[in-house]
């Protein structure tokens, strides 16, 4: 990513441009190596992005467990709880990415409070890129399947082309937003998703059971 506005040149900023490639590399690592051996990057922003992608990676495969025809009711209940917990971590990390970016920007008097407000934050865009990366990985797996029915590979090649186009567009939008932020043309704010379903003080199913139990 080029240096723009107020001679800003930070190592961390360049990583925004390379996020899709990093997410793809993590997919390959996590599908081929023991998860216990993986360590987050030393760079603070890259570590947050990697951990957020890991939450989506775990969600993808946990949700597959819920779709297994042989899953029992008790197994499904346990899977649902894992999905809720992992989804909360996913959302928390997307917010943490935004908080980290805003902290970086604040050191340089950014973002400009006079700039036009952008409704979607970089953290949410990075989350969408993460999901697209997983779809691309698994679509490529389907193309390579040796036992697939007729026409399956071709349908997935078409699907892959669409996914790659969508990800390319989104990555370009994220990069453009970041450049505009550095040029004081756009800004974003920290938005909290304020999920209620895991909060025992806000979800009636949880606090109602606690009061009557």
N, C-alpha and C. Protein backbone atom coordinates (compact mmCIF):
# COMPACT_ATOMS: atom_id res chain seq x y z
N UNK A 1 0.86 -1.18 0.00
CA UNK A 1 0.00 0.00 0.00
C UNK A 1 0.89 1.23 0.00
N UNK A 2 0.57 2.19 -0.81
CA UNK A 2 1.42 3.35 -0.96
C UNK A 2 1.27 4.29 0.22
N UNK A 3 2.26 5.12 0.43
CA UNK A 3 2.22 6.12 1.48
C UNK A 3 1.38 7.30 1.00
N UNK A 4 0.42 7.73 1.83
CA UNK A 4 -0.46 8.80 1.41
C UNK A 4 -0.77 9.69 2.60
N UNK A 5 -0.98 10.99 2.35
CA UNK A 5 -1.47 11.90 3.37
C UNK A 5 -0.53 12.03 4.56
N UNK A 6 -0.03 13.22 4.83
CA UNK A 6 0.78 13.47 6.01
C UNK A 6 2.00 12.56 6.12
N UNK A 7 2.48 12.06 5.00
CA UNK A 7 3.68 11.21 4.96
C UNK A 7 3.57 10.02 5.90
N UNK A 8 2.39 9.42 5.97
CA UNK A 8 2.20 8.26 6.85
C UNK A 8 2.79 7.02 6.19
N UNK A 9 3.62 6.30 6.89
CA UNK A 9 4.20 5.07 6.36
C UNK A 9 4.40 4.10 7.52
N UNK A 10 3.41 3.25 7.76
CA UNK A 10 3.48 2.28 8.85
C UNK A 10 3.55 0.89 8.26
N UNK A 11 4.34 0.02 8.88
CA UNK A 11 4.43 -1.36 8.41
C UNK A 11 3.07 -2.04 8.48
N UNK A 12 2.29 -1.76 9.55
CA UNK A 12 1.02 -2.45 9.73
C UNK A 12 0.02 -2.09 8.63
N UNK A 13 0.09 -0.88 8.12
CA UNK A 13 -0.89 -0.46 7.12
C UNK A 13 -0.77 -1.32 5.86
N UNK A 14 0.44 -1.69 5.50
CA UNK A 14 0.61 -2.46 4.27
C UNK A 14 -0.11 -3.80 4.34
N UNK A 15 -0.29 -4.33 5.54
CA UNK A 15 -0.89 -5.65 5.68
C UNK A 15 -2.36 -5.66 5.28
N UNK A 16 -3.04 -4.51 5.29
CA UNK A 16 -4.43 -4.48 4.86
C UNK A 16 -4.56 -4.94 3.42
N UNK A 17 -3.62 -4.54 2.59
CA UNK A 17 -3.68 -4.89 1.18
C UNK A 17 -3.48 -6.38 0.96
N UNK A 18 -2.78 -7.04 1.87
CA UNK A 18 -2.42 -8.45 1.71
C UNK A 18 -3.32 -9.40 2.48
N UNK A 19 -4.40 -8.90 3.05
CA UNK A 19 -5.23 -9.74 3.92
C UNK A 19 -5.79 -10.97 3.22
N UNK A 20 -6.38 -10.86 2.01
CA UNK A 20 -6.92 -12.07 1.39
C UNK A 20 -5.87 -13.17 1.20
N UNK A 21 -4.66 -12.78 0.81
CA UNK A 21 -3.60 -13.77 0.65
C UNK A 21 -3.24 -14.43 1.96
N UNK A 22 -3.21 -13.64 3.05
CA UNK A 22 -2.91 -14.21 4.36
C UNK A 22 -4.00 -15.18 4.79
N UNK A 23 -5.27 -14.82 4.57
CA UNK A 23 -6.37 -15.72 4.92
C UNK A 23 -6.30 -17.02 4.13
N UNK A 24 -5.94 -16.93 2.85
CA UNK A 24 -5.81 -18.13 2.04
C UNK A 24 -4.68 -19.03 2.56
N UNK A 25 -3.57 -18.41 2.92
CA UNK A 25 -2.44 -19.20 3.43
C UNK A 25 -2.80 -19.88 4.75
N UNK A 26 -3.57 -19.20 5.58
CA UNK A 26 -4.00 -19.80 6.84
C UNK A 26 -4.92 -20.99 6.59
N UNK A 27 -5.79 -20.89 5.60
CA UNK A 27 -6.65 -22.03 5.26
C UNK A 27 -5.82 -23.26 4.94
N UNK A 28 -4.79 -23.08 4.12
CA UNK A 28 -3.93 -24.20 3.75
C UNK A 28 -3.22 -24.77 4.97
N UNK A 29 -2.72 -23.90 5.83
CA UNK A 29 -2.01 -24.34 7.04
C UNK A 29 -2.93 -25.13 7.95
N UNK A 30 -4.10 -24.58 8.22
CA UNK A 30 -5.01 -25.20 9.19
C UNK A 30 -5.64 -26.48 8.67
N UNK A 31 -5.72 -26.65 7.36
CA UNK A 31 -6.26 -27.89 6.81
C UNK A 31 -5.20 -28.99 6.66
N UNK A 32 -3.93 -28.59 6.71
CA UNK A 32 -2.88 -29.58 6.44
C UNK A 32 -1.96 -29.85 7.61
N UNK A 33 -1.99 -29.01 8.64
CA UNK A 33 -1.07 -29.17 9.76
C UNK A 33 -1.85 -29.24 11.08
N UNK A 34 -1.20 -29.73 12.11
CA UNK A 34 -1.83 -29.81 13.42
C UNK A 34 -2.07 -28.40 13.95
N UNK A 35 -3.30 -28.13 14.37
CA UNK A 35 -3.65 -26.80 14.84
C UNK A 35 -2.81 -26.39 16.04
N UNK A 36 -2.41 -27.36 16.86
CA UNK A 36 -1.65 -27.05 18.08
C UNK A 36 -0.30 -26.40 17.76
N UNK A 37 0.21 -26.66 16.55
CA UNK A 37 1.53 -26.13 16.18
C UNK A 37 1.47 -24.70 15.67
N UNK A 38 0.25 -24.21 15.37
CA UNK A 38 0.13 -22.88 14.79
C UNK A 38 0.24 -21.80 15.86
N UNK A 39 0.96 -20.74 15.54
CA UNK A 39 1.09 -19.59 16.43
C UNK A 39 0.68 -18.33 15.67
N UNK A 40 -0.05 -17.42 16.30
CA UNK A 40 -0.43 -16.17 15.63
C UNK A 40 0.80 -15.36 15.24
N UNK A 41 0.69 -14.52 14.22
CA UNK A 41 1.82 -13.66 13.83
C UNK A 41 2.22 -12.72 14.96
N UNK A 42 3.46 -12.27 14.92
CA UNK A 42 3.94 -11.35 15.94
C UNK A 42 3.32 -9.97 15.78
N UNK A 43 3.07 -9.56 14.54
CA UNK A 43 2.45 -8.26 14.28
C UNK A 43 1.06 -8.21 14.89
N UNK A 44 0.76 -7.14 15.62
CA UNK A 44 -0.49 -7.06 16.38
C UNK A 44 -1.72 -7.10 15.48
N UNK A 45 -1.71 -6.33 14.39
CA UNK A 45 -2.87 -6.32 13.50
C UNK A 45 -3.03 -7.66 12.80
N UNK A 46 -1.94 -8.20 12.28
CA UNK A 46 -2.00 -9.50 11.61
C UNK A 46 -2.50 -10.59 12.56
N UNK A 47 -2.09 -10.52 13.83
CA UNK A 47 -2.54 -11.51 14.81
C UNK A 47 -4.04 -11.42 15.03
N UNK A 48 -4.57 -10.20 15.12
CA UNK A 48 -6.01 -10.04 15.29
C UNK A 48 -6.77 -10.58 14.09
N UNK A 49 -6.29 -10.26 12.89
CA UNK A 49 -6.95 -10.73 11.67
C UNK A 49 -6.89 -12.25 11.60
N UNK A 50 -5.75 -12.83 11.95
CA UNK A 50 -5.62 -14.29 11.91
C UNK A 50 -6.54 -14.96 12.92
N UNK A 51 -6.62 -14.41 14.12
CA UNK A 51 -7.50 -15.00 15.15
C UNK A 51 -8.97 -14.85 14.76
N UNK A 52 -9.31 -13.73 14.12
CA UNK A 52 -10.69 -13.55 13.66
C UNK A 52 -11.03 -14.55 12.55
N UNK A 53 -10.06 -14.78 11.66
CA UNK A 53 -10.26 -15.77 10.60
C UNK A 53 -10.37 -17.17 11.19
N UNK A 54 -9.59 -17.45 12.23
CA UNK A 54 -9.67 -18.74 12.89
C UNK A 54 -11.07 -18.98 13.46
N UNK A 55 -11.68 -17.94 14.01
CA UNK A 55 -13.05 -18.10 14.52
C UNK A 55 -14.00 -18.48 13.40
N UNK A 56 -13.87 -17.85 12.23
CA UNK A 56 -14.71 -18.22 11.10
C UNK A 56 -14.40 -19.63 10.60
N UNK A 57 -13.12 -19.99 10.62
CA UNK A 57 -12.70 -21.34 10.23
C UNK A 57 -13.36 -22.37 11.15
N UNK A 58 -13.32 -22.12 12.46
CA UNK A 58 -13.92 -23.05 13.41
C UNK A 58 -15.45 -23.08 13.25
N UNK A 59 -16.06 -21.93 13.01
CA UNK A 59 -17.50 -21.89 12.77
C UNK A 59 -17.89 -22.73 11.57
N UNK A 60 -17.14 -22.61 10.50
CA UNK A 60 -17.44 -23.35 9.27
C UNK A 60 -17.52 -24.84 9.55
N UNK A 61 -16.51 -25.36 10.25
CA UNK A 61 -16.44 -26.80 10.47
C UNK A 61 -17.35 -27.26 11.60
N UNK A 62 -17.61 -26.40 12.57
CA UNK A 62 -18.55 -26.77 13.62
C UNK A 62 -19.96 -26.84 13.07
N UNK A 63 -20.32 -25.91 12.20
CA UNK A 63 -21.65 -25.94 11.59
C UNK A 63 -21.82 -27.17 10.72
N UNK A 64 -20.75 -27.66 10.11
CA UNK A 64 -20.83 -28.92 9.36
C UNK A 64 -21.20 -30.08 10.28
N UNK A 65 -20.69 -30.06 11.51
CA UNK A 65 -21.04 -31.11 12.47
C UNK A 65 -22.54 -31.10 12.75
N UNK A 66 -23.14 -29.91 12.79
CA UNK A 66 -24.58 -29.81 13.07
C UNK A 66 -25.42 -30.35 11.92
N UNK A 67 -24.83 -30.41 10.73
CA UNK A 67 -25.58 -30.88 9.55
C UNK A 67 -25.44 -32.40 9.34
N UNK A 68 -24.62 -33.04 10.13
CA UNK A 68 -24.42 -34.49 9.97
C UNK A 68 -25.71 -35.23 10.27
N UNK A 69 -26.12 -36.10 9.36
CA UNK A 69 -27.40 -36.80 9.50
C UNK A 69 -27.43 -37.68 10.74
N UNK A 70 -26.28 -38.20 11.15
CA UNK A 70 -26.24 -39.13 12.28
C UNK A 70 -26.13 -38.43 13.64
N UNK A 71 -26.07 -37.10 13.66
CA UNK A 71 -25.91 -36.38 14.92
C UNK A 71 -27.13 -36.57 15.80
N UNK A 72 -26.90 -36.85 17.08
CA UNK A 72 -27.99 -37.01 18.04
C UNK A 72 -28.44 -35.64 18.56
N UNK A 73 -29.59 -35.63 19.24
CA UNK A 73 -30.09 -34.38 19.79
C UNK A 73 -29.11 -33.78 20.79
N UNK A 74 -28.51 -34.60 21.64
CA UNK A 74 -27.56 -34.09 22.63
C UNK A 74 -26.31 -33.54 21.95
N UNK A 75 -25.87 -34.20 20.88
CA UNK A 75 -24.71 -33.70 20.14
C UNK A 75 -25.03 -32.36 19.48
N UNK A 76 -26.23 -32.25 18.92
CA UNK A 76 -26.64 -31.00 18.29
C UNK A 76 -26.70 -29.86 19.29
N UNK A 77 -27.18 -30.15 20.50
CA UNK A 77 -27.24 -29.12 21.54
C UNK A 77 -25.84 -28.64 21.90
N UNK A 78 -24.90 -29.57 22.02
CA UNK A 78 -23.52 -29.19 22.35
C UNK A 78 -22.90 -28.38 21.21
N UNK A 79 -23.18 -28.78 19.98
CA UNK A 79 -22.65 -28.06 18.82
C UNK A 79 -23.22 -26.65 18.78
N UNK A 80 -24.51 -26.50 19.05
CA UNK A 80 -25.13 -25.19 19.04
C UNK A 80 -24.46 -24.26 20.05
N UNK A 81 -24.13 -24.78 21.23
CA UNK A 81 -23.47 -23.94 22.24
C UNK A 81 -22.07 -23.53 21.76
N UNK A 82 -21.37 -24.45 21.11
CA UNK A 82 -20.05 -24.11 20.57
C UNK A 82 -20.17 -23.07 19.47
N UNK A 83 -21.20 -23.18 18.63
CA UNK A 83 -21.41 -22.19 17.58
C UNK A 83 -21.65 -20.82 18.17
N UNK A 84 -22.51 -20.74 19.20
CA UNK A 84 -22.80 -19.45 19.83
C UNK A 84 -21.53 -18.83 20.41
N UNK A 85 -20.74 -19.64 21.11
CA UNK A 85 -19.53 -19.12 21.73
C UNK A 85 -18.51 -18.66 20.69
N UNK A 86 -18.36 -19.45 19.62
CA UNK A 86 -17.40 -19.10 18.59
C UNK A 86 -17.84 -17.89 17.80
N UNK A 87 -19.15 -17.78 17.56
CA UNK A 87 -19.66 -16.62 16.84
C UNK A 87 -19.47 -15.35 17.66
N UNK A 88 -19.62 -15.46 18.97
CA UNK A 88 -19.35 -14.30 19.83
C UNK A 88 -17.89 -13.89 19.73
N UNK A 89 -16.99 -14.87 19.73
CA UNK A 89 -15.56 -14.57 19.59
C UNK A 89 -15.28 -13.93 18.24
N UNK A 90 -15.91 -14.44 17.20
CA UNK A 90 -15.75 -13.86 15.86
C UNK A 90 -16.14 -12.37 15.86
N UNK A 91 -17.29 -12.05 16.43
CA UNK A 91 -17.76 -10.66 16.46
C UNK A 91 -16.86 -9.79 17.32
N UNK A 92 -16.43 -10.33 18.47
CA UNK A 92 -15.56 -9.57 19.35
C UNK A 92 -14.24 -9.22 18.66
N UNK A 93 -13.71 -10.16 17.89
CA UNK A 93 -12.44 -9.93 17.21
C UNK A 93 -12.58 -8.95 16.06
N UNK A 94 -13.72 -8.96 15.37
CA UNK A 94 -13.95 -7.95 14.33
C UNK A 94 -13.95 -6.56 14.96
N UNK A 95 -14.57 -6.42 16.13
CA UNK A 95 -14.56 -5.14 16.83
C UNK A 95 -13.15 -4.79 17.31
N UNK A 96 -12.40 -5.79 17.72
CA UNK A 96 -11.03 -5.55 18.19
C UNK A 96 -10.15 -5.06 17.05
N UNK A 97 -10.38 -5.56 15.84
CA UNK A 97 -9.64 -5.07 14.67
C UNK A 97 -9.90 -3.59 14.46
N UNK A 98 -11.17 -3.20 14.52
CA UNK A 98 -11.51 -1.78 14.36
C UNK A 98 -10.88 -0.93 15.45
N UNK A 99 -10.92 -1.42 16.68
CA UNK A 99 -10.34 -0.67 17.79
C UNK A 99 -8.84 -0.48 17.59
N UNK A 100 -8.17 -1.52 17.12
CA UNK A 100 -6.73 -1.44 16.89
C UNK A 100 -6.42 -0.45 15.77
N UNK A 101 -7.18 -0.51 14.68
CA UNK A 101 -6.96 0.42 13.58
C UNK A 101 -7.19 1.86 14.01
N UNK A 102 -8.23 2.08 14.79
CA UNK A 102 -8.51 3.44 15.27
C UNK A 102 -7.40 3.93 16.20
N UNK A 103 -6.85 3.04 17.00
CA UNK A 103 -5.74 3.40 17.88
C UNK A 103 -4.52 3.79 17.06
N UNK A 104 -4.24 3.03 16.00
CA UNK A 104 -3.13 3.37 15.10
C UNK A 104 -3.34 4.73 14.47
N UNK A 105 -4.55 4.95 13.97
CA UNK A 105 -4.86 6.20 13.28
C UNK A 105 -4.77 7.39 14.23
N UNK A 106 -5.24 7.21 15.46
CA UNK A 106 -5.27 8.31 16.43
C UNK A 106 -3.88 8.86 16.70
N UNK A 107 -2.86 8.04 16.58
CA UNK A 107 -1.49 8.49 16.80
C UNK A 107 -1.06 9.51 15.75
N UNK A 108 -1.82 9.59 14.67
CA UNK A 108 -1.50 10.51 13.58
C UNK A 108 -2.64 11.48 13.31
N UNK A 109 -3.50 11.67 14.31
CA UNK A 109 -4.58 12.62 14.16
C UNK A 109 -5.65 12.20 13.19
N UNK A 110 -5.83 10.92 13.01
CA UNK A 110 -6.81 10.36 12.08
C UNK A 110 -7.76 9.43 12.84
N UNK A 111 -8.92 9.15 12.28
CA UNK A 111 -9.46 9.74 11.05
C UNK A 111 -9.96 11.16 11.29
N UNK A 112 -10.04 11.92 10.21
CA UNK A 112 -10.51 13.29 10.30
C UNK A 112 -11.99 13.31 10.67
N UNK A 113 -12.32 14.05 11.69
CA UNK A 113 -13.72 14.14 12.12
C UNK A 113 -14.57 14.96 11.16
N UNK A 114 -13.94 15.67 10.22
CA UNK A 114 -14.68 16.41 9.21
C UNK A 114 -14.95 15.57 7.97
N UNK A 115 -14.34 14.39 7.88
CA UNK A 115 -14.49 13.54 6.70
C UNK A 115 -15.85 12.87 6.69
N UNK A 116 -16.26 12.42 5.52
CA UNK A 116 -17.54 11.72 5.38
C UNK A 116 -17.47 10.37 6.10
N UNK A 117 -18.55 10.04 6.81
CA UNK A 117 -18.60 8.80 7.59
C UNK A 117 -18.92 7.62 6.69
N UNK A 118 -18.15 6.54 6.84
CA UNK A 118 -18.40 5.29 6.12
C UNK A 118 -19.15 4.34 7.05
N UNK A 119 -20.26 3.79 6.60
CA UNK A 119 -21.12 3.03 7.51
C UNK A 119 -20.55 1.67 7.89
N UNK A 120 -19.82 1.03 6.98
CA UNK A 120 -19.25 -0.29 7.28
C UNK A 120 -17.81 -0.13 7.69
N UNK A 121 -17.44 -0.77 8.78
CA UNK A 121 -16.08 -0.62 9.31
C UNK A 121 -15.13 -1.59 8.62
N UNK A 122 -13.81 -1.30 8.67
CA UNK A 122 -12.84 -2.25 8.13
C UNK A 122 -12.94 -3.64 8.77
N UNK A 123 -13.21 -3.68 10.08
CA UNK A 123 -13.32 -4.99 10.74
C UNK A 123 -14.42 -5.85 10.16
N UNK A 124 -15.56 -5.24 9.85
CA UNK A 124 -16.66 -6.00 9.24
C UNK A 124 -16.33 -6.41 7.82
N UNK A 125 -15.61 -5.57 7.09
CA UNK A 125 -15.21 -5.93 5.73
C UNK A 125 -14.19 -7.07 5.77
N UNK A 126 -13.29 -7.04 6.75
CA UNK A 126 -12.31 -8.12 6.90
C UNK A 126 -13.01 -9.43 7.26
N UNK A 127 -14.06 -9.35 8.08
CA UNK A 127 -14.85 -10.53 8.39
C UNK A 127 -15.48 -11.12 7.13
N UNK A 128 -16.01 -10.27 6.27
CA UNK A 128 -16.60 -10.74 5.01
C UNK A 128 -15.53 -11.36 4.11
N UNK A 129 -14.34 -10.77 4.08
CA UNK A 129 -13.25 -11.36 3.30
C UNK A 129 -12.87 -12.73 3.84
N UNK A 130 -12.92 -12.88 5.15
CA UNK A 130 -12.61 -14.16 5.78
C UNK A 130 -13.57 -15.25 5.31
N UNK A 131 -14.85 -14.94 5.31
CA UNK A 131 -15.85 -15.92 4.90
C UNK A 131 -15.69 -16.25 3.42
N UNK A 132 -15.41 -15.25 2.60
CA UNK A 132 -15.19 -15.51 1.17
C UNK A 132 -13.97 -16.39 0.96
N UNK A 133 -12.94 -16.19 1.76
CA UNK A 133 -11.74 -17.03 1.65
C UNK A 133 -12.06 -18.49 1.92
N UNK A 134 -12.88 -18.74 2.93
CA UNK A 134 -13.28 -20.12 3.25
C UNK A 134 -14.14 -20.71 2.14
N UNK A 135 -15.05 -19.93 1.58
CA UNK A 135 -15.87 -20.42 0.47
C UNK A 135 -15.01 -20.76 -0.73
N UNK A 136 -14.02 -19.93 -1.01
CA UNK A 136 -13.13 -20.18 -2.14
C UNK A 136 -12.34 -21.46 -1.92
N UNK A 137 -11.81 -21.64 -0.72
CA UNK A 137 -11.02 -22.85 -0.42
C UNK A 137 -11.85 -24.10 -0.64
N UNK A 138 -13.05 -24.12 -0.08
CA UNK A 138 -13.86 -25.33 -0.16
C UNK A 138 -14.47 -25.53 -1.54
N UNK A 139 -14.68 -24.47 -2.27
CA UNK A 139 -15.14 -24.62 -3.66
C UNK A 139 -14.05 -25.24 -4.50
N UNK A 140 -12.82 -24.85 -4.27
CA UNK A 140 -11.70 -25.47 -5.00
C UNK A 140 -11.58 -26.96 -4.65
N UNK A 141 -11.86 -27.29 -3.39
CA UNK A 141 -11.88 -28.71 -3.02
C UNK A 141 -12.92 -29.48 -3.82
N UNK A 142 -14.09 -28.88 -4.01
CA UNK A 142 -15.15 -29.54 -4.77
C UNK A 142 -14.78 -29.71 -6.23
N UNK A 143 -14.10 -28.74 -6.79
CA UNK A 143 -13.65 -28.86 -8.18
C UNK A 143 -12.70 -30.04 -8.34
N UNK A 144 -11.86 -30.27 -7.32
CA UNK A 144 -10.84 -31.32 -7.39
C UNK A 144 -11.35 -32.70 -7.00
N UNK A 145 -12.59 -32.81 -6.56
CA UNK A 145 -13.12 -34.10 -6.13
C UNK A 145 -13.09 -35.13 -7.25
N UNK A 146 -12.61 -36.32 -6.93
CA UNK A 146 -12.55 -37.39 -7.94
C UNK A 146 -13.85 -38.19 -8.01
N UNK A 147 -14.71 -38.10 -6.99
CA UNK A 147 -15.93 -38.89 -6.95
C UNK A 147 -17.18 -38.05 -7.19
N UNK A 148 -17.01 -36.85 -7.75
CA UNK A 148 -18.16 -35.96 -7.92
C UNK A 148 -19.02 -36.40 -9.11
N UNK A 149 -20.32 -36.10 -9.06
CA UNK A 149 -21.20 -36.44 -10.17
C UNK A 149 -20.93 -35.56 -11.39
N UNK A 150 -21.50 -35.94 -12.51
CA UNK A 150 -21.30 -35.20 -13.74
C UNK A 150 -21.75 -33.76 -13.62
N UNK A 151 -20.93 -32.84 -14.14
CA UNK A 151 -21.26 -31.43 -14.11
C UNK A 151 -20.90 -30.72 -12.82
N UNK A 152 -20.52 -31.49 -11.79
CA UNK A 152 -20.24 -30.89 -10.48
C UNK A 152 -19.04 -29.95 -10.55
N UNK A 153 -17.97 -30.41 -11.19
CA UNK A 153 -16.76 -29.59 -11.25
C UNK A 153 -17.02 -28.30 -12.02
N UNK A 154 -17.75 -28.39 -13.12
CA UNK A 154 -18.01 -27.20 -13.93
C UNK A 154 -18.88 -26.20 -13.17
N UNK A 155 -19.89 -26.69 -12.46
CA UNK A 155 -20.73 -25.78 -11.68
C UNK A 155 -19.90 -25.06 -10.62
N UNK A 156 -18.95 -25.78 -10.03
CA UNK A 156 -18.12 -25.16 -9.01
C UNK A 156 -17.06 -24.24 -9.60
N UNK A 157 -16.65 -24.48 -10.83
CA UNK A 157 -15.76 -23.52 -11.49
C UNK A 157 -16.49 -22.19 -11.70
N UNK A 158 -17.75 -22.27 -12.08
CA UNK A 158 -18.54 -21.06 -12.23
C UNK A 158 -18.72 -20.36 -10.87
N UNK A 159 -18.99 -21.17 -9.86
CA UNK A 159 -19.14 -20.62 -8.50
C UNK A 159 -17.83 -19.95 -8.06
N UNK A 160 -16.70 -20.59 -8.34
CA UNK A 160 -15.41 -20.05 -7.95
C UNK A 160 -15.15 -18.70 -8.63
N UNK A 161 -15.49 -18.60 -9.91
CA UNK A 161 -15.30 -17.35 -10.62
C UNK A 161 -16.09 -16.22 -9.97
N UNK A 162 -17.32 -16.53 -9.56
CA UNK A 162 -18.15 -15.52 -8.90
C UNK A 162 -17.55 -15.12 -7.56
N UNK A 163 -17.11 -16.11 -6.78
CA UNK A 163 -16.52 -15.82 -5.47
C UNK A 163 -15.25 -14.98 -5.58
N UNK A 164 -14.41 -15.32 -6.56
CA UNK A 164 -13.17 -14.56 -6.74
C UNK A 164 -13.46 -13.12 -7.16
N UNK A 165 -14.46 -12.95 -8.01
CA UNK A 165 -14.84 -11.59 -8.41
C UNK A 165 -15.36 -10.80 -7.21
N UNK A 166 -16.22 -11.44 -6.42
CA UNK A 166 -16.77 -10.75 -5.25
C UNK A 166 -15.67 -10.39 -4.26
N UNK A 167 -14.74 -11.31 -4.03
CA UNK A 167 -13.67 -11.01 -3.09
C UNK A 167 -12.76 -9.91 -3.63
N UNK A 168 -12.47 -9.96 -4.92
CA UNK A 168 -11.64 -8.92 -5.51
C UNK A 168 -12.27 -7.55 -5.36
N UNK A 169 -13.58 -7.49 -5.60
CA UNK A 169 -14.29 -6.21 -5.44
C UNK A 169 -14.22 -5.72 -4.00
N UNK A 170 -14.47 -6.63 -3.05
CA UNK A 170 -14.48 -6.24 -1.64
C UNK A 170 -13.09 -5.81 -1.17
N UNK A 171 -12.07 -6.55 -1.59
CA UNK A 171 -10.70 -6.19 -1.21
C UNK A 171 -10.33 -4.82 -1.77
N UNK A 172 -10.76 -4.54 -2.99
CA UNK A 172 -10.49 -3.24 -3.58
C UNK A 172 -11.23 -2.13 -2.82
N UNK A 173 -12.46 -2.41 -2.42
CA UNK A 173 -13.23 -1.42 -1.64
C UNK A 173 -12.56 -1.14 -0.30
N UNK A 174 -12.07 -2.19 0.36
CA UNK A 174 -11.38 -2.00 1.63
C UNK A 174 -10.12 -1.17 1.43
N UNK A 175 -9.36 -1.49 0.40
CA UNK A 175 -8.13 -0.75 0.14
C UNK A 175 -8.43 0.71 -0.17
N UNK A 176 -9.48 0.96 -0.97
CA UNK A 176 -9.84 2.33 -1.31
C UNK A 176 -10.30 3.10 -0.06
N UNK A 177 -11.09 2.43 0.78
CA UNK A 177 -11.53 3.08 2.01
C UNK A 177 -10.33 3.49 2.86
N UNK A 178 -9.37 2.60 3.00
CA UNK A 178 -8.21 2.89 3.83
C UNK A 178 -7.41 4.06 3.26
N UNK A 179 -7.25 4.07 1.94
CA UNK A 179 -6.54 5.18 1.31
C UNK A 179 -7.28 6.50 1.55
N UNK A 180 -8.60 6.47 1.46
CA UNK A 180 -9.38 7.68 1.68
C UNK A 180 -9.31 8.15 3.13
N UNK A 181 -9.22 7.20 4.05
CA UNK A 181 -9.05 7.56 5.46
C UNK A 181 -7.72 8.28 5.65
N UNK A 182 -6.66 7.75 5.02
CA UNK A 182 -5.34 8.37 5.15
C UNK A 182 -5.31 9.76 4.51
N UNK A 183 -6.14 9.96 3.50
CA UNK A 183 -6.23 11.26 2.82
C UNK A 183 -7.23 12.20 3.49
N UNK A 184 -7.80 11.76 4.63
CA UNK A 184 -8.76 12.56 5.38
C UNK A 184 -10.06 12.80 4.61
N UNK A 185 -10.38 11.87 3.71
CA UNK A 185 -11.61 12.00 2.94
C UNK A 185 -12.76 11.17 3.51
N UNK A 186 -12.43 10.12 4.24
CA UNK A 186 -13.44 9.24 4.84
C UNK A 186 -13.03 8.94 6.27
N UNK A 187 -14.00 8.51 7.04
CA UNK A 187 -13.73 8.09 8.41
C UNK A 187 -14.68 6.95 8.77
N UNK A 188 -14.33 6.23 9.82
CA UNK A 188 -15.24 5.23 10.38
C UNK A 188 -15.19 5.35 11.89
N UNK A 189 -16.19 4.81 12.53
CA UNK A 189 -16.30 4.85 13.99
C UNK A 189 -16.31 3.43 14.53
N UNK A 190 -16.02 3.30 15.81
CA UNK A 190 -16.14 2.00 16.47
C UNK A 190 -17.60 1.69 16.70
N UNK A 191 -18.10 0.67 16.05
CA UNK A 191 -19.47 0.24 16.25
C UNK A 191 -19.48 -1.07 17.03
N UNK A 192 -20.32 -1.13 18.05
CA UNK A 192 -20.46 -2.34 18.86
C UNK A 192 -21.69 -3.09 18.39
N UNK A 193 -21.54 -4.38 18.19
CA UNK A 193 -22.66 -5.19 17.70
C UNK A 193 -23.65 -5.52 18.82
N UNK A 194 -23.18 -5.49 20.07
CA UNK A 194 -24.06 -5.61 21.23
C UNK A 194 -24.99 -6.82 21.11
N UNK A 195 -24.40 -7.97 20.87
CA UNK A 195 -25.18 -9.21 20.78
C UNK A 195 -25.86 -9.49 22.11
N UNK A 196 -27.09 -9.98 22.05
CA UNK A 196 -27.87 -10.21 23.25
C UNK A 196 -28.01 -11.69 23.61
N UNK A 197 -27.83 -12.58 22.63
CA UNK A 197 -28.21 -13.97 22.86
C UNK A 197 -27.32 -14.69 23.86
N UNK A 198 -26.07 -14.24 24.03
CA UNK A 198 -25.17 -14.90 24.99
C UNK A 198 -25.13 -14.21 26.35
N UNK A 199 -25.84 -13.11 26.49
CA UNK A 199 -25.77 -12.32 27.72
C UNK A 199 -26.88 -12.76 28.68
N UNK A 200 -26.52 -13.35 29.84
CA UNK A 200 -27.54 -13.84 30.77
C UNK A 200 -28.38 -12.73 31.39
N UNK A 201 -27.96 -11.47 31.23
CA UNK A 201 -28.75 -10.37 31.76
C UNK A 201 -29.71 -9.79 30.73
N UNK A 202 -29.59 -10.22 29.46
CA UNK A 202 -30.40 -9.64 28.38
C UNK A 202 -31.29 -10.65 27.66
N UNK A 203 -30.92 -11.92 27.70
CA UNK A 203 -31.70 -12.94 26.99
C UNK A 203 -32.72 -13.55 27.96
N UNK A 204 -34.04 -13.37 27.71
CA UNK A 204 -35.05 -13.90 28.64
C UNK A 204 -34.95 -15.40 28.86
N UNK A 205 -34.51 -16.14 27.86
CA UNK A 205 -34.36 -17.58 28.02
C UNK A 205 -33.34 -17.89 29.10
N UNK A 206 -32.29 -17.05 29.18
CA UNK A 206 -31.23 -17.28 30.17
C UNK A 206 -31.59 -16.72 31.53
N UNK A 207 -32.02 -15.45 31.59
CA UNK A 207 -32.29 -14.89 32.91
C UNK A 207 -33.60 -15.40 33.49
N UNK A 208 -34.55 -15.79 32.63
CA UNK A 208 -35.80 -16.38 33.13
C UNK A 208 -35.57 -17.70 33.81
N UNK A 209 -34.71 -18.53 33.20
CA UNK A 209 -34.38 -19.83 33.78
C UNK A 209 -33.64 -19.66 35.08
N UNK A 210 -32.74 -18.66 35.14
CA UNK A 210 -31.96 -18.43 36.35
C UNK A 210 -32.84 -18.02 37.52
N UNK A 211 -33.86 -17.18 37.20
CA UNK A 211 -34.73 -16.68 38.27
C UNK A 211 -35.67 -17.74 38.81
N UNK A 212 -36.10 -18.67 37.93
CA UNK A 212 -37.08 -19.66 38.35
C UNK A 212 -36.47 -20.98 38.74
N UNK A 213 -35.17 -21.16 38.43
CA UNK A 213 -34.53 -22.44 38.69
C UNK A 213 -34.21 -22.65 40.16
